[in-house]
Amino acid sequence: MTTAITNLAAQERMTADDYAVTALAGYFAARGPLSFERFLSGYYAESIRLIQEAHLTDCTAADGEHCATCDAIRVGLVGLLAEQHTVTAAEVSGHDQH
């Protein structure tokens, strides 16, 4: 199977949301690595926010109890902050590629 056929098959399975995300990712990737990293960071942040909001309504852990989902969300948020600091540091040092 060639790459073109594979990509066509993947496009046929895409929902409208998948297509929009793919098109936006391509746009930002073409503008340079830091632009693409900012896109991914924003997409990731919004995903974590949605997961956190949905989970907070369903979480049954009492104060002081550990919840694996809450812990995973916290880890994701910490990772996101670390990534944002890396991108910002690269911009300050002048490594932004446009």
C-alpha atoms as a PDB file:
ATOM      1  CA  MET A   1       0.000   0.000   0.000  1.00  0.00           C
ATOM      2  CA  THR A   2       1.464   3.344  -0.957  1.00  0.00           C
ATOM      3  CA  THR A   3       1.590   6.389   1.263  1.00  0.00           C
ATOM      4  CA  ALA A   4      -0.936   8.239  -0.905  1.00  0.00           C
ATOM      5  CA  ILE A   5      -3.429   5.392  -0.606  1.00  0.00           C
ATOM      6  CA  THR A   6      -2.867   5.151   3.142  1.00  0.00           C
ATOM      7  CA  ASN A   7      -3.416   8.883   3.584  1.00  0.00           C
ATOM      8  CA  LEU A   8      -6.567   8.801   1.438  1.00  0.00           C
ATOM      9  CA  ALA A   9      -7.935   5.934   3.535  1.00  0.00           C
ATOM     10  CA  ALA A  10      -7.157   7.841   6.743  1.00  0.00           C
ATOM     11  CA  GLN A  11      -8.858  10.960   5.402  1.00  0.00           C
ATOM     12  CA  GLU A  12     -11.985   8.981   4.582  1.00  0.00           C
ATOM     13  CA  ARG A  13     -12.215   7.834   8.214  1.00  0.00           C
ATOM     14  CA  MET A  14     -11.738  11.351   9.638  1.00  0.00           C
ATOM     15  CA  THR A  15     -14.565  13.156  11.312  1.00  0.00           C
ATOM     16  CA  ALA A  16     -14.978  16.869  10.687  1.00  0.00           C
ATOM     17  CA  ASP A  17     -13.166  17.567  13.979  1.00  0.00           C
ATOM     18  CA  ASP A  18     -10.273  15.281  12.989  1.00  0.00           C
ATOM     19  CA  TYR A  19      -9.948  17.076   9.686  1.00  0.00           C
ATOM     20  CA  ALA A  20      -9.924  20.499  11.335  1.00  0.00           C
ATOM     21  CA  VAL A  21      -7.233  19.472  13.825  1.00  0.00           C
ATOM     22  CA  THR A  22      -5.114  17.918  11.050  1.00  0.00           C
ATOM     23  CA  ALA A  23      -5.429  21.011   8.862  1.00  0.00           C
ATOM     24  CA  LEU A  24      -4.554  23.348  11.754  1.00  0.00           C
ATOM     25  CA  ALA A  25      -1.606  21.184  12.802  1.00  0.00           C
ATOM     26  CA  GLY A  26      -0.297  21.265   9.228  1.00  0.00           C
ATOM     27  CA  TYR A  27      -0.635  25.047   9.108  1.00  0.00           C
ATOM     28  CA  PHE A  28       1.306  25.547  12.348  1.00  0.00           C
ATOM     29  CA  ALA A  29       3.901  22.901  11.451  1.00  0.00           C
ATOM     30  CA  ALA A  30       4.641  24.787   8.218  1.00  0.00           C
ATOM     31  CA  ARG A  31       5.345  27.953  10.250  1.00  0.00           C
ATOM     32  CA  GLY A  32       8.162  26.346  12.234  1.00  0.00           C
ATOM     33  CA  PRO A  33       8.840  24.052  15.177  1.00  0.00           C
ATOM     34  CA  LEU A  34       7.955  26.513  17.941  1.00  0.00           C
ATOM     35  CA  SER A  35       4.716  27.482  16.250  1.00  0.00           C
ATOM     36  CA  PHE A  36       3.781  23.796  16.033  1.00  0.00           C
ATOM     37  CA  GLU A  37       4.790  23.238  19.673  1.00  0.00           C
ATOM     38  CA  ARG A  38       2.513  26.116  20.713  1.00  0.00           C
ATOM     39  CA  PHE A  39      -0.349  24.542  18.760  1.00  0.00           C
ATOM     40  CA  LEU A  40       0.202  21.172  20.420  1.00  0.00           C
ATOM     41  CA  SER A  41       0.542  22.794  23.821  1.00  0.00           C
ATOM     42  CA  GLY A  42      -2.750  24.651  23.393  1.00  0.00           C
ATOM     43  CA  TYR A  43      -4.522  21.556  22.069  1.00  0.00           C
ATOM     44  CA  TYR A  44      -3.164  19.495  24.953  1.00  0.00           C
ATOM     45  CA  ALA A  45      -4.153  22.146  27.511  1.00  0.00           C
ATOM     46  CA  GLU A  46      -7.717  22.285  26.191  1.00  0.00           C
ATOM     47  CA  SER A  47      -7.954  18.477  26.234  1.00  0.00           C
ATOM     48  CA  ILE A  48      -6.790  18.321  29.851  1.00  0.00           C
ATOM     49  CA  ARG A  49      -9.234  21.076  30.807  1.00  0.00           C
ATOM     50  CA  LEU A  50     -12.141  19.164  29.261  1.00  0.00           C
ATOM     51  CA  ILE A  51     -11.098  15.912  30.918  1.00  0.00           C
ATOM     52  CA  GLN A  52     -10.708  17.651  34.276  1.00  0.00           C
ATOM     53  CA  GLU A  53     -14.147  19.297  34.051  1.00  0.00           C
ATOM     54  CA  ALA A  54     -15.803  16.019  33.094  1.00  0.00           C
ATOM     55  CA  HIS A  55     -14.022  14.086  35.824  1.00  0.00           C
ATOM     56  CA  LEU A  56     -14.723  16.590  38.591  1.00  0.00           C
ATOM     57  CA  THR A  57     -18.456  15.904  38.229  1.00  0.00           C
ATOM     58  CA  ASP A  58     -17.854  12.128  38.519  1.00  0.00           C
ATOM     59  CA  CYS A  59     -15.004  11.938  41.043  1.00  0.00           C
ATOM     60  CA  THR A  60     -16.070  10.151  44.211  1.00  0.00           C
ATOM     61  CA  ALA A  61     -12.781  10.459  46.113  1.00  0.00           C
ATOM     62  CA  ALA A  62     -13.128  12.265  49.433  1.00  0.00           C
ATOM     63  CA  ASP A  63     -10.711  14.960  50.550  1.00  0.00           C
ATOM     64  CA  GLY A  64      -7.377  13.353  51.338  1.00  0.00           C
ATOM     65  CA  GLU A  65      -8.102  10.211  49.278  1.00  0.00           C
ATOM     66  CA  HIS A  66      -6.117   9.474  46.159  1.00  0.00           C
ATOM     67  CA  CYS A  67      -7.865   9.281  42.801  1.00  0.00           C
ATOM     68  CA  ALA A  68      -5.838   7.849  39.907  1.00  0.00           C
ATOM     69  CA  THR A  69      -7.619  10.051  37.368  1.00  0.00           C
ATOM     70  CA  CYS A  70      -7.094  13.239  39.400  1.00  0.00           C
ATOM     71  CA  ASP A  71      -3.416  12.296  39.818  1.00  0.00           C
ATOM     72  CA  ALA A  72      -3.040  11.701  36.069  1.00  0.00           C
ATOM     73  CA  ILE A  73      -4.631  15.075  35.329  1.00  0.00           C
ATOM     74  CA  ARG A  74      -2.184  16.762  37.723  1.00  0.00           C
ATOM     75  CA  VAL A  75       0.750  15.019  35.999  1.00  0.00           C
ATOM     76  CA  GLY A  76      -0.556  16.199  32.630  1.00  0.00           C
ATOM     77  CA  LEU A  77      -0.829  19.759  33.870  1.00  0.00           C
ATOM     78  CA  VAL A  78       2.715  19.684  35.262  1.00  0.00           C
ATOM     79  CA  GLY A  79       3.988  18.313  31.950  1.00  0.00           C
ATOM     80  CA  LEU A  80       2.154  21.045  30.084  1.00  0.00           C
ATOM     81  CA  LEU A  81       3.708  23.752  32.288  1.00  0.00           C
ATOM     82  CA  ALA A  82       7.182  22.285  31.744  1.00  0.00           C
ATOM     83  CA  GLU A  83       6.621  22.249  27.980  1.00  0.00           C
ATOM     84  CA  GLN A  84       5.403  25.848  27.997  1.00  0.00           C
ATOM     85  CA  HIS A  85       8.508  26.915  29.927  1.00  0.00           C
ATOM     86  CA  THR A  86      10.699  25.160  27.331  1.00  0.00           C
ATOM     87  CA  VAL A  87       8.955  26.902  24.424  1.00  0.00           C
ATOM     88  CA  THR A  88       9.149  30.276  26.150  1.00  0.00           C
ATOM     89  CA  ALA A  89      12.850  29.794  26.931  1.00  0.00           C
ATOM     90  CA  ALA A  90      13.547  28.970  23.275  1.00  0.00           C
ATOM     91  CA  GLU A  91      11.733  32.118  22.173  1.00  0.00           C
ATOM     92  CA  VAL A  92      13.698  34.276  24.609  1.00  0.00           C
ATOM     93  CA  SER A  93      17.003  32.785  23.451  1.00  0.00           C
ATOM     94  CA  GLY A  94      16.089  33.522  19.821  1.00  0.00           C
ATOM     95  CA  HIS A  95      15.617  29.964  18.571  1.00  0.00           C
ATOM     96  CA  ASP A  96      12.104  30.652  17.207  1.00  0.00           C
ATOM     97  CA  GLN A  97      11.868  29.470  13.582  1.00  0.00           C
ATOM     98  CA  HIS A  98       9.400  31.285  11.311  1.00  0.00           C
END
